[in-house]
Amino acid sequence: MLALRGFARLAQGRFREAVTRLTQSVQLRPEILIAYVCLAAGHGHLGEQAEARDAIARFQARAPMDLRAFAESYPDPVARKVILEGIALVEGGSPADGAVGTASP
């Protein structure tokens, strides 16, 4: 439930609330990979680079695939756009750089 609430807050642009819930979620259920992706994005939107990179490293320690590729597979286009924008901010880009792969089919 914490992860789902965190995802919802992230999609709403309520990044501080999202980070709080997602942090709790990964502590309780570290196997939920998308929570790390969303946590990294939330930290990215907040300008918290060190925390975002930590979430990315924790994802990469658990997942056999690239974080961006994982994020691009997120089914909701609105949430996917917010996630990719946050990741772009962590990677040193602008939010517009996250727009890759966000169009609906």
PDB file of N, CA and C in Angstrom:
ATOM      1  N   MET A   1       0.813  -1.200   0.000  1.00  0.00           N
ATOM      2  CA  MET A   1       0.000   0.000   0.000  1.00  0.00           C
ATOM      3  C   MET A   1       0.860   1.268   0.000  1.00  0.00           C
ATOM      4  N   LEU A   2       1.958   1.239   0.739  1.00  0.00           N
ATOM      5  CA  LEU A   2       2.827   2.421   0.775  1.00  0.00           C
ATOM      6  C   LEU A   2       3.385   2.722  -0.616  1.00  0.00           C
ATOM      7  N   ALA A   3       3.797   1.674  -1.326  1.00  0.00           N
ATOM      8  CA  ALA A   3       4.343   1.874  -2.669  1.00  0.00           C
ATOM      9  C   ALA A   3       3.284   2.470  -3.592  1.00  0.00           C
ATOM     10  N   LEU A   4       2.072   1.946  -3.530  1.00  0.00           N
ATOM     11  CA  LEU A   4       0.999   2.469  -4.380  1.00  0.00           C
ATOM     12  C   LEU A   4       0.681   3.922  -4.051  1.00  0.00           C
ATOM     13  N   ARG A   5       0.667   4.244  -2.782  1.00  0.00           N
ATOM     14  CA  ARG A   5       0.428   5.636  -2.396  1.00  0.00           C
ATOM     15  C   ARG A   5       1.577   6.526  -2.843  1.00  0.00           C
ATOM     16  N   GLY A   6       2.796   6.004  -2.754  1.00  0.00           N
ATOM     17  CA  GLY A   6       3.956   6.752  -3.230  1.00  0.00           C
ATOM     18  C   GLY A   6       3.889   6.987  -4.726  1.00  0.00           C
ATOM     19  N   PHE A   7       3.488   5.960  -5.489  1.00  0.00           N
ATOM     20  CA  PHE A   7       3.353   6.110  -6.938  1.00  0.00           C
ATOM     21  C   PHE A   7       2.339   7.196  -7.255  1.00  0.00           C
ATOM     22  N   ALA A   8       1.198   7.157  -6.541  1.00  0.00           N
ATOM     23  CA  ALA A   8       0.135   8.139  -6.784  1.00  0.00           C
ATOM     24  C   ALA A   8       0.620   9.557  -6.494  1.00  0.00           C
ATOM     25  N   ARG A   9       1.322   9.734  -5.379  1.00  0.00           N
ATOM     26  CA  ARG A   9       1.820  11.068  -5.032  1.00  0.00           C
ATOM     27  C   ARG A   9       2.835  11.555  -6.061  1.00  0.00           C
ATOM     28  N   LEU A  10       3.669  10.665  -6.545  1.00  0.00           N
ATOM     29  CA  LEU A  10       4.652  11.029  -7.565  1.00  0.00           C
ATOM     30  C   LEU A  10       3.932  11.509  -8.827  1.00  0.00           C
ATOM     31  N   ALA A  11       2.947  10.755  -9.279  1.00  0.00           N
ATOM     32  CA  ALA A  11       2.194  11.123 -10.484  1.00  0.00           C
ATOM     33  C   ALA A  11       1.463  12.449 -10.304  1.00  0.00           C
ATOM     34  N   GLN A  12       1.092  12.780  -9.058  1.00  0.00           N
ATOM     35  CA  GLN A  12       0.409  14.042  -8.764  1.00  0.00           C
ATOM     36  C   GLN A  12       1.384  15.208  -8.623  1.00  0.00           C
ATOM     37  N   GLY A  13       2.678  14.910  -8.646  1.00  0.00           N
ATOM     38  CA  GLY A  13       3.673  15.963  -8.463  1.00  0.00           C
ATOM     39  C   GLY A  13       3.902  16.311  -7.005  1.00  0.00           C
ATOM     40  N   ARG A  14       3.444  15.486  -6.112  1.00  0.00           N
ATOM     41  CA  ARG A  14       3.619  15.688  -4.673  1.00  0.00           C
ATOM     42  C   ARG A  14       4.852  14.897  -4.239  1.00  0.00           C
ATOM     43  N   PHE A  15       6.008  15.405  -4.640  1.00  0.00           N
ATOM     44  CA  PHE A  15       7.258  14.649  -4.564  1.00  0.00           C
ATOM     45  C   PHE A  15       7.711  14.353  -3.141  1.00  0.00           C
ATOM     46  N   ARG A  16       7.593  15.289  -2.226  1.00  0.00           N
ATOM     47  CA  ARG A  16       8.025  15.040  -0.838  1.00  0.00           C
ATOM     48  C   ARG A  16       7.201  13.919  -0.221  1.00  0.00           C
ATOM     49  N   GLU A  17       5.894  13.973  -0.427  1.00  0.00           N
ATOM     50  CA  GLU A  17       5.025  12.914   0.095  1.00  0.00           C
ATOM     51  C   GLU A  17       5.347  11.579  -0.564  1.00  0.00           C
ATOM     52  N   ALA A  18       5.618  11.605  -1.858  1.00  0.00           N
ATOM     53  CA  ALA A  18       5.971  10.380  -2.575  1.00  0.00           C
ATOM     54  C   ALA A  18       7.242   9.765  -2.004  1.00  0.00           C
ATOM     55  N   VAL A  19       8.249  10.585  -1.806  1.00  0.00           N
ATOM     56  CA  VAL A  19       9.534  10.092  -1.289  1.00  0.00           C
ATOM     57  C   VAL A  19       9.349   9.488   0.099  1.00  0.00           C
ATOM     58  N   THR A  20       8.559  10.123   0.935  1.00  0.00           N
ATOM     59  CA  THR A  20       8.324   9.597   2.282  1.00  0.00           C
ATOM     60  C   THR A  20       7.716   8.202   2.219  1.00  0.00           C
ATOM     61  N   ARG A  21       6.682   8.038   1.416  1.00  0.00           N
ATOM     62  CA  ARG A  21       6.005   6.742   1.322  1.00  0.00           C
ATOM     63  C   ARG A  21       6.872   5.699   0.631  1.00  0.00           C
ATOM     64  N   LEU A  22       7.568   6.086  -0.412  1.00  0.00           N
ATOM     65  CA  LEU A  22       8.409   5.133  -1.134  1.00  0.00           C
ATOM     66  C   LEU A  22       9.601   4.692  -0.300  1.00  0.00           C
ATOM     67  N   THR A  23      10.137   5.585   0.507  1.00  0.00           N
ATOM     68  CA  THR A  23      11.236   5.217   1.403  1.00  0.00           C
ATOM     69  C   THR A  23      10.763   4.158   2.398  1.00  0.00           C
ATOM     70  N   GLN A  24       9.596   4.361   2.956  1.00  0.00           N
ATOM     71  CA  GLN A  24       9.033   3.372   3.875  1.00  0.00           C
ATOM     72  C   GLN A  24       8.770   2.054   3.147  1.00  0.00           C
ATOM     73  N   SER A  25       8.291   2.147   1.919  1.00  0.00           N
ATOM     74  CA  SER A  25       7.973   0.957   1.144  1.00  0.00           C
ATOM     75  C   SER A  25       9.216   0.099   0.889  1.00  0.00           C
ATOM     76  N   VAL A  26      10.306   0.718   0.462  1.00  0.00           N
ATOM     77  CA  VAL A  26      11.505  -0.089   0.159  1.00  0.00           C
ATOM     78  C   VAL A  26      12.137  -0.655   1.420  1.00  0.00           C
ATOM     79  N   GLN A  27      11.911  -0.015   2.549  1.00  0.00           N
ATOM     80  CA  GLN A  27      12.399  -0.577   3.808  1.00  0.00           C
ATOM     81  C   GLN A  27      11.626  -1.841   4.170  1.00  0.00           C
ATOM     82  N   LEU A  28      10.320  -1.818   3.937  1.00  0.00           N
ATOM     83  CA  LEU A  28       9.471  -2.961   4.274  1.00  0.00           C
ATOM     84  C   LEU A  28       9.475  -4.055   3.211  1.00  0.00           C
ATOM     85  N   ARG A  29       9.544  -3.646   1.949  1.00  0.00           N
ATOM     86  CA  ARG A  29       9.462  -4.599   0.830  1.00  0.00           C
ATOM     87  C   ARG A  29      10.531  -4.274  -0.220  1.00  0.00           C
ATOM     88  N   PRO A  30      11.782  -4.595   0.058  1.00  0.00           N
ATOM     89  CA  PRO A  30      12.875  -4.227  -0.854  1.00  0.00           C
ATOM     90  C   PRO A  30      12.818  -4.912  -2.223  1.00  0.00           C
ATOM     91  N   GLU A  31      11.966  -5.896  -2.382  1.00  0.00           N
ATOM     92  CA  GLU A  31      11.865  -6.598  -3.663  1.00  0.00           C
ATOM     93  C   GLU A  31      10.988  -5.870  -4.685  1.00  0.00           C
ATOM     94  N   ILE A  32      10.292  -4.814  -4.294  1.00  0.00           N
ATOM     95  CA  ILE A  32       9.428  -4.080  -5.222  1.00  0.00           C
ATOM     96  C   ILE A  32      10.292  -3.077  -5.989  1.00  0.00           C
ATOM     97  N   LEU A  33      10.740  -3.491  -7.158  1.00  0.00           N
ATOM     98  CA  LEU A  33      11.724  -2.719  -7.929  1.00  0.00           C
ATOM     99  C   LEU A  33      11.225  -1.357  -8.381  1.00  0.00           C
ATOM    100  N   ILE A  34       9.964  -1.268  -8.788  1.00  0.00           N
ATOM    101  CA  ILE A  34       9.470   0.011  -9.288  1.00  0.00           C
ATOM    102  C   ILE A  34       9.494   1.065  -8.184  1.00  0.00           C
ATOM    103  N   ALA A  35       9.454   0.647  -6.929  1.00  0.00           N
ATOM    104  CA  ALA A  35       9.521   1.619  -5.830  1.00  0.00           C
ATOM    105  C   ALA A  35      10.863   2.343  -5.839  1.00  0.00           C
ATOM    106  N   TYR A  36      11.958   1.645  -6.157  1.00  0.00           N
ATOM    107  CA  TYR A  36      13.267   2.298  -6.245  1.00  0.00           C
ATOM    108  C   TYR A  36      13.320   3.281  -7.406  1.00  0.00           C
ATOM    109  N   VAL A  37      12.725   2.904  -8.515  1.00  0.00           N
ATOM    110  CA  VAL A  37      12.700   3.773  -9.688  1.00  0.00           C
ATOM    111  C   VAL A  37      11.940   5.059  -9.359  1.00  0.00           C
ATOM    112  N   CYS A  38      10.780   4.902  -8.760  1.00  0.00           N
ATOM    113  CA  CYS A  38       9.974   6.068  -8.397  1.00  0.00           C
ATOM    114  C   CYS A  38      10.645   6.884  -7.300  1.00  0.00           C
ATOM    115  N   LEU A  39      11.309   6.215  -6.369  1.00  0.00           N
ATOM    116  CA  LEU A  39      12.035   6.921  -5.313  1.00  0.00           C
ATOM    117  C   LEU A  39      13.157   7.767  -5.920  1.00  0.00           C
ATOM    118  N   ALA A  40      13.898   7.196  -6.861  1.00  0.00           N
ATOM    119  CA  ALA A  40      14.952   7.955  -7.538  1.00  0.00           C
ATOM    120  C   ALA A  40      14.366   9.159  -8.270  1.00  0.00           C
ATOM    121  N   ALA A  41      13.240   8.953  -8.945  1.00  0.00           N
ATOM    122  CA  ALA A  41      12.601  10.054  -9.672  1.00  0.00           C
ATOM    123  C   ALA A  41      12.119  11.137  -8.721  1.00  0.00           C
ATOM    124  N   GLY A  42      11.520  10.747  -7.610  1.00  0.00           N
ATOM    125  CA  GLY A  42      11.050  11.719  -6.638  1.00  0.00           C
ATOM    126  C   GLY A  42      12.194  12.551  -6.078  1.00  0.00           C
ATOM    127  N   HIS A  43      13.283  11.877  -5.727  1.00  0.00           N
ATOM    128  CA  HIS A  43      14.456  12.608  -5.250  1.00  0.00           C
ATOM    129  C   HIS A  43      15.002  13.520  -6.349  1.00  0.00           C
ATOM    130  N   GLY A  44      14.974  13.053  -7.585  1.00  0.00           N
ATOM    131  CA  GLY A  44      15.441  13.875  -8.703  1.00  0.00           C
ATOM    132  C   GLY A  44      14.643  15.152  -8.834  1.00  0.00           C
ATOM    133  N   HIS A  45      13.332  15.035  -8.731  1.00  0.00           N
ATOM    134  CA  HIS A  45      12.473  16.221  -8.816  1.00  0.00           C
ATOM    135  C   HIS A  45      12.724  17.182  -7.657  1.00  0.00           C
ATOM    136  N   LEU A  46      13.133  16.653  -6.520  1.00  0.00           N
ATOM    137  CA  LEU A  46      13.408  17.491  -5.349  1.00  0.00           C
ATOM    138  C   LEU A  46      14.832  18.036  -5.339  1.00  0.00           C
ATOM    139  N   GLY A  47      15.638  17.637  -6.333  1.00  0.00           N
ATOM    140  CA  GLY A  47      17.025  18.096  -6.392  1.00  0.00           C
ATOM    141  C   GLY A  47      17.935  17.383  -5.418  1.00  0.00           C
ATOM    142  N   GLU A  48      17.525  16.247  -4.936  1.00  0.00           N
ATOM    143  CA  GLU A  48      18.293  15.464  -3.968  1.00  0.00           C
ATOM    144  C   GLU A  48      19.106  14.393  -4.700  1.00  0.00           C
ATOM    145  N   GLN A  49      20.200  14.842  -5.277  1.00  0.00           N
ATOM    146  CA  GLN A  49      20.995  13.985  -6.150  1.00  0.00           C
ATOM    147  C   GLN A  49      21.588  12.765  -5.440  1.00  0.00           C
ATOM    148  N   ALA A  50      22.158  12.948  -4.263  1.00  0.00           N
ATOM    149  CA  ALA A  50      22.789  11.827  -3.554  1.00  0.00           C
ATOM    150  C   ALA A  50      21.760  10.751  -3.217  1.00  0.00           C
ATOM    151  N   GLU A  51      20.602  11.172  -2.745  1.00  0.00           N
ATOM    152  CA  GLU A  51      19.553  10.219  -2.396  1.00  0.00           C
ATOM    153  C   GLU A  51      19.025   9.506  -3.636  1.00  0.00           C
ATOM    154  N   ALA A  52      18.900  10.249  -4.720  1.00  0.00           N
ATOM    155  CA  ALA A  52      18.439   9.647  -5.973  1.00  0.00           C
ATOM    156  C   ALA A  52      19.436   8.610  -6.476  1.00  0.00           C
ATOM    157  N   ARG A  53      20.705   8.950  -6.419  1.00  0.00           N
ATOM    158  CA  ARG A  53      21.733   7.997  -6.875  1.00  0.00           C
ATOM    159  C   ARG A  53      21.770   6.753  -5.989  1.00  0.00           C
ATOM    160  N   ASP A  54      21.511   6.927  -4.696  1.00  0.00           N
ATOM    161  CA  ASP A  54      21.440   5.780  -3.792  1.00  0.00           C
ATOM    162  C   ASP A  54      20.288   4.857  -4.187  1.00  0.00           C
ATOM    163  N   ALA A  55      19.130   5.426  -4.499  1.00  0.00           N
ATOM    164  CA  ALA A  55      17.984   4.620  -4.927  1.00  0.00           C
ATOM    165  C   ALA A  55      18.298   3.892  -6.231  1.00  0.00           C
ATOM    166  N   ILE A  56      18.991   4.559  -7.139  1.00  0.00           N
ATOM    167  CA  ILE A  56      19.379   3.931  -8.409  1.00  0.00           C
ATOM    168  C   ILE A  56      20.333   2.768  -8.144  1.00  0.00           C
ATOM    169  N   ALA A  57      21.309   2.975  -7.278  1.00  0.00           N
ATOM    170  CA  ALA A  57      22.271   1.913  -6.953  1.00  0.00           C
ATOM    171  C   ALA A  57      21.565   0.724  -6.306  1.00  0.00           C
ATOM    172  N   ARG A  58      20.600   0.998  -5.450  1.00  0.00           N
ATOM    173  CA  ARG A  58      19.856  -0.084  -4.807  1.00  0.00           C
ATOM    174  C   ARG A  58      19.014  -0.850  -5.827  1.00  0.00           C
ATOM    175  N   PHE A  59      18.443  -0.131  -6.794  1.00  0.00           N
ATOM    176  CA  PHE A  59      17.709  -0.796  -7.884  1.00  0.00           C
ATOM    177  C   PHE A  59      18.658  -1.689  -8.670  1.00  0.00           C
ATOM    178  N   GLN A  60      19.795  -1.130  -9.075  1.00  0.00           N
ATOM    179  CA  GLN A  60      20.732  -1.866  -9.916  1.00  0.00           C
ATOM    180  C   GLN A  60      21.310  -3.091  -9.215  1.00  0.00           C
ATOM    181  N   ALA A  61      21.408  -3.057  -7.896  1.00  0.00           N
ATOM    182  CA  ALA A  61      21.895  -4.213  -7.147  1.00  0.00           C
ATOM    183  C   ALA A  61      20.879  -5.356  -7.161  1.00  0.00           C
ATOM    184  N   ARG A  62      19.617  -5.031  -7.441  1.00  0.00           N
ATOM    185  CA  ARG A  62      18.552  -6.034  -7.406  1.00  0.00           C
ATOM    186  C   ARG A  62      18.015  -6.420  -8.773  1.00  0.00           C
ATOM    187  N   ALA A  63      18.266  -5.608  -9.785  1.00  0.00           N
ATOM    188  CA  ALA A  63      17.625  -5.821 -11.089  1.00  0.00           C
ATOM    189  C   ALA A  63      18.651  -6.083 -12.188  1.00  0.00           C
ATOM    190  N   PRO A  64      18.319  -6.984 -13.086  1.00  0.00           N
ATOM    191  CA  PRO A  64      19.222  -7.284 -14.192  1.00  0.00           C
ATOM    192  C   PRO A  64      19.097  -6.329 -15.377  1.00  0.00           C
ATOM    193  N   MET A  65      18.241  -5.318 -15.276  1.00  0.00           N
ATOM    194  CA  MET A  65      18.047  -4.427 -16.419  1.00  0.00           C
ATOM    195  C   MET A  65      18.341  -2.980 -16.051  1.00  0.00           C
ATOM    196  N   ASP A  66      18.483  -2.175 -17.069  1.00  0.00           N
ATOM    197  CA  ASP A  66      18.751  -0.748 -16.925  1.00  0.00           C
ATOM    198  C   ASP A  66      17.550  -0.038 -16.292  1.00  0.00           C
ATOM    199  N   LEU A  67      17.813   0.869 -15.387  1.00  0.00           N
ATOM    200  CA  LEU A  67      16.755   1.597 -14.696  1.00  0.00           C
ATOM    201  C   LEU A  67      15.872   2.370 -15.664  1.00  0.00           C
ATOM    202  N   ARG A  68      16.475   3.054 -16.622  1.00  0.00           N
ATOM    203  CA  ARG A  68      15.686   3.840 -17.577  1.00  0.00           C
ATOM    204  C   ARG A  68      14.790   2.924 -18.416  1.00  0.00           C
ATOM    205  N   ALA A  69      15.326   1.783 -18.859  1.00  0.00           N
ATOM    206  CA  ALA A  69      14.518   0.836 -19.641  1.00  0.00           C
ATOM    207  C   ALA A  69      13.347   0.317 -18.805  1.00  0.00           C
ATOM    208  N   PHE A  70      13.620   0.045 -17.546  1.00  0.00           N
ATOM    209  CA  PHE A  70      12.564  -0.396 -16.639  1.00  0.00           C
ATOM    210  C   PHE A  70      11.499   0.684 -16.516  1.00  0.00           C
ATOM    211  N   ALA A  71      11.920   1.925 -16.330  1.00  0.00           N
ATOM    212  CA  ALA A  71      10.982   3.051 -16.180  1.00  0.00           C
ATOM    213  C   ALA A  71      10.171   3.256 -17.454  1.00  0.00           C
ATOM    214  N   GLU A  72      10.807   3.096 -18.605  1.00  0.00           N
ATOM    215  CA  GLU A  72      10.100   3.299 -19.873  1.00  0.00           C
ATOM    216  C   GLU A  72       9.017   2.260 -20.103  1.00  0.00           C
ATOM    217  N   SER A  73       9.080   1.144 -19.383  1.00  0.00           N
ATOM    218  CA  SER A  73       8.060   0.106 -19.539  1.00  0.00           C
ATOM    219  C   SER A  73       6.856   0.333 -18.628  1.00  0.00           C
ATOM    220  N   TYR A  74       6.890   1.384 -17.795  1.00  0.00           N
ATOM    221  CA  TYR A  74       5.774   1.647 -16.889  1.00  0.00           C
ATOM    222  C   TYR A  74       4.523   1.935 -17.709  1.00  0.00           C
ATOM    223  N   PRO A  75       3.404   1.267 -17.433  1.00  0.00           N
ATOM    224  CA  PRO A  75       2.244   1.340 -18.325  1.00  0.00           C
ATOM    225  C   PRO A  75       1.485   2.663 -18.345  1.00  0.00           C
ATOM    226  N   ASP A  76       1.460   3.400 -17.263  1.00  0.00           N
ATOM    227  CA  ASP A  76       0.688   4.644 -17.230  1.00  0.00           C
ATOM    228  C   ASP A  76       1.512   5.773 -17.837  1.00  0.00           C
ATOM    229  N   PRO A  77       1.062   6.362 -18.953  1.00  0.00           N
ATOM    230  CA  PRO A  77       1.877   7.379 -19.630  1.00  0.00           C
ATOM    231  C   PRO A  77       2.113   8.642 -18.807  1.00  0.00           C
ATOM    232  N   VAL A  78       1.171   9.038 -17.981  1.00  0.00           N
ATOM    233  CA  VAL A  78       1.349  10.239 -17.162  1.00  0.00           C
ATOM    234  C   VAL A  78       2.408   9.986 -16.094  1.00  0.00           C
ATOM    235  N   ALA A  79       2.268   8.882 -15.376  1.00  0.00           N
ATOM    236  CA  ALA A  79       3.254   8.538 -14.346  1.00  0.00           C
ATOM    237  C   ALA A  79       4.618   8.277 -14.978  1.00  0.00           C
ATOM    238  N   ARG A  80       4.626   7.608 -16.125  1.00  0.00           N
ATOM    239  CA  ARG A  80       5.892   7.317 -16.818  1.00  0.00           C
ATOM    240  C   ARG A  80       6.628   8.607 -17.155  1.00  0.00           C
ATOM    241  N   LYS A  81       5.905   9.616 -17.609  1.00  0.00           N
ATOM    242  CA  LYS A  81       6.522  10.896 -17.951  1.00  0.00           C
ATOM    243  C   LYS A  81       7.163  11.529 -16.719  1.00  0.00           C
ATOM    244  N   VAL A  82       6.453  11.534 -15.604  1.00  0.00           N
ATOM    245  CA  VAL A  82       6.988  12.113 -14.366  1.00  0.00           C
ATOM    246  C   VAL A  82       8.224  11.336 -13.903  1.00  0.00           C
ATOM    247  N   ILE A  83       8.165  10.019 -13.992  1.00  0.00           N
ATOM    248  CA  ILE A  83       9.298   9.180 -13.598  1.00  0.00           C
ATOM    249  C   ILE A  83      10.514   9.486 -14.467  1.00  0.00           C
ATOM    250  N   LEU A  84      10.319   9.501 -15.773  1.00  0.00           N
ATOM    251  CA  LEU A  84      11.439   9.737 -16.691  1.00  0.00           C
ATOM    252  C   LEU A  84      12.007  11.145 -16.548  1.00  0.00           C
ATOM    253  N   GLU A  85      11.149  12.108 -16.265  1.00  0.00           N
ATOM    254  CA  GLU A  85      11.643  13.474 -16.035  1.00  0.00           C
ATOM    255  C   GLU A  85      12.515  13.518 -14.782  1.00  0.00           C
ATOM    256  N   GLY A  86      12.090  12.847 -13.730  1.00  0.00           N
ATOM    257  CA  GLY A  86      12.878  12.815 -12.500  1.00  0.00           C
ATOM    258  C   GLY A  86      14.218  12.134 -12.698  1.00  0.00           C
ATOM    259  N   ILE A  87      14.221  11.048 -13.451  1.00  0.00           N
ATOM    260  CA  ILE A  87      15.469  10.337 -13.736  1.00  0.00           C
ATOM    261  C   ILE A  87      16.392  11.210 -14.578  1.00  0.00           C
ATOM    262  N   ALA A  88      15.821  11.938 -15.546  1.00  0.00           N
ATOM    263  CA  ALA A  88      16.633  12.837 -16.365  1.00  0.00           C
ATOM    264  C   ALA A  88      17.310  13.891 -15.499  1.00  0.00           C
ATOM    265  N   LEU A  89      16.603  14.388 -14.495  1.00  0.00           N
ATOM    266  CA  LEU A  89      17.190  15.378 -13.594  1.00  0.00           C
ATOM    267  C   LEU A  89      18.363  14.784 -12.818  1.00  0.00           C
ATOM    268  N   VAL A  90      18.261  13.534 -12.431  1.00  0.00           N
ATOM    269  CA  VAL A  90      19.352  12.860 -11.721  1.00  0.00           C
ATOM    270  C   VAL A  90      20.545  12.664 -12.646  1.00  0.00           C
ATOM    271  N   GLU A  91      20.259  12.373 -13.900  1.00  0.00           N
ATOM    272  CA  GLU A  91      21.319  12.125 -14.881  1.00  0.00           C
ATOM    273  C   GLU A  91      21.954  13.407 -15.399  1.00  0.00           C
ATOM    274  N   GLY A  92      21.505  14.547 -14.895  1.00  0.00           N
ATOM    275  CA  GLY A  92      22.088  15.817 -15.301  1.00  0.00           C
ATOM    276  C   GLY A  92      21.395  16.480 -16.460  1.00  0.00           C
ATOM    277  N   GLY A  93      20.247  15.974 -16.840  1.00  0.00           N
ATOM    278  CA  GLY A  93      19.501  16.576 -17.929  1.00  0.00           C
ATOM    279  C   GLY A  93      18.421  17.492 -17.401  1.00  0.00           C
ATOM    280  N   SER A  94      17.537  17.875 -18.278  1.00  0.00           N
ATOM    281  CA  SER A  94      16.388  18.684 -17.897  1.00  0.00           C
ATOM    282  C   SER A  94      15.158  17.781 -17.894  1.00  0.00           C
ATOM    283  N   PRO A  95      14.059  18.214 -17.296  1.00  0.00           N
ATOM    284  CA  PRO A  95      12.856  17.385 -17.317  1.00  0.00           C
ATOM    285  C   PRO A  95      12.424  16.991 -18.725  1.00  0.00           C
ATOM    286  N   ALA A  96      12.636  17.867 -19.686  1.00  0.00           N
ATOM    287  CA  ALA A  96      12.255  17.551 -21.066  1.00  0.00           C
ATOM    288  C   ALA A  96      13.032  16.359 -21.602  1.00  0.00           C
ATOM    289  N   ASP A  97      14.237  16.116 -21.060  1.00  0.00           N
ATOM    290  CA  ASP A  97      15.030  14.976 -21.505  1.00  0.00           C
ATOM    291  C   ASP A  97      14.374  13.649 -21.133  1.00  0.00           C
ATOM    292  N   GLY A  98      13.486  13.669 -20.162  1.00  0.00           N
ATOM    293  CA  GLY A  98      12.801  12.467 -19.751  1.00  0.00           C
ATOM    294  C   GLY A  98      11.639  12.105 -20.632  1.00  0.00           C
ATOM    295  N   ALA A  99      11.333  12.958 -21.592  1.00  0.00           N
ATOM    296  CA  ALA A  99      10.155  12.744 -22.425  1.00  0.00           C
ATOM    297  C   ALA A  99      10.300  11.575 -23.386  1.00  0.00           C
ATOM    298  N   VAL A 100      11.479  11.040 -23.559  1.00  0.00           N
ATOM    299  CA  VAL A 100      11.689   9.924 -24.470  1.00  0.00           C
ATOM    300  C   VAL A 100      10.817   8.747 -24.020  1.00  0.00           C
ATOM    301  N   GLY A 101      10.090   8.178 -24.965  1.00  0.00           N
ATOM    302  CA  GLY A 101       9.295   6.992 -24.679  1.00  0.00           C
ATOM    303  C   GLY A 101       8.034   7.256 -23.887  1.00  0.00           C
ATOM    304  N   THR A 102       7.574   8.485 -23.843  1.00  0.00           N
ATOM    305  CA  THR A 102       6.396   8.777 -23.027  1.00  0.00           C
ATOM    306  C   THR A 102       5.115   8.873 -23.824  1.00  0.00           C
ATOM    307  N   ALA A 103       5.184   8.795 -25.110  1.00  0.00           N
ATOM    308  CA  ALA A 103       3.971   8.912 -25.927  1.00  0.00           C
ATOM    309  C   ALA A 103       3.113   7.665 -25.766  1.00  0.00           C
ATOM    310  N   SER A 104       1.823   7.860 -25.779  1.00  0.00           N
ATOM    311  CA  SER A 104       0.905   6.736 -25.728  1.00  0.00           C
ATOM    312  C   SER A 104       0.886   6.037 -27.082  1.00  0.00           C
ATOM    313  N   PRO A 105       0.698   4.713 -27.090  1.00  0.00           N
ATOM    314  CA  PRO A 105       0.642   4.002 -28.376  1.00  0.00           C
ATOM    315  C   PRO A 105      -0.585   4.362 -29.159  1.00  0.00           C
TER     316      PRO A 105
END
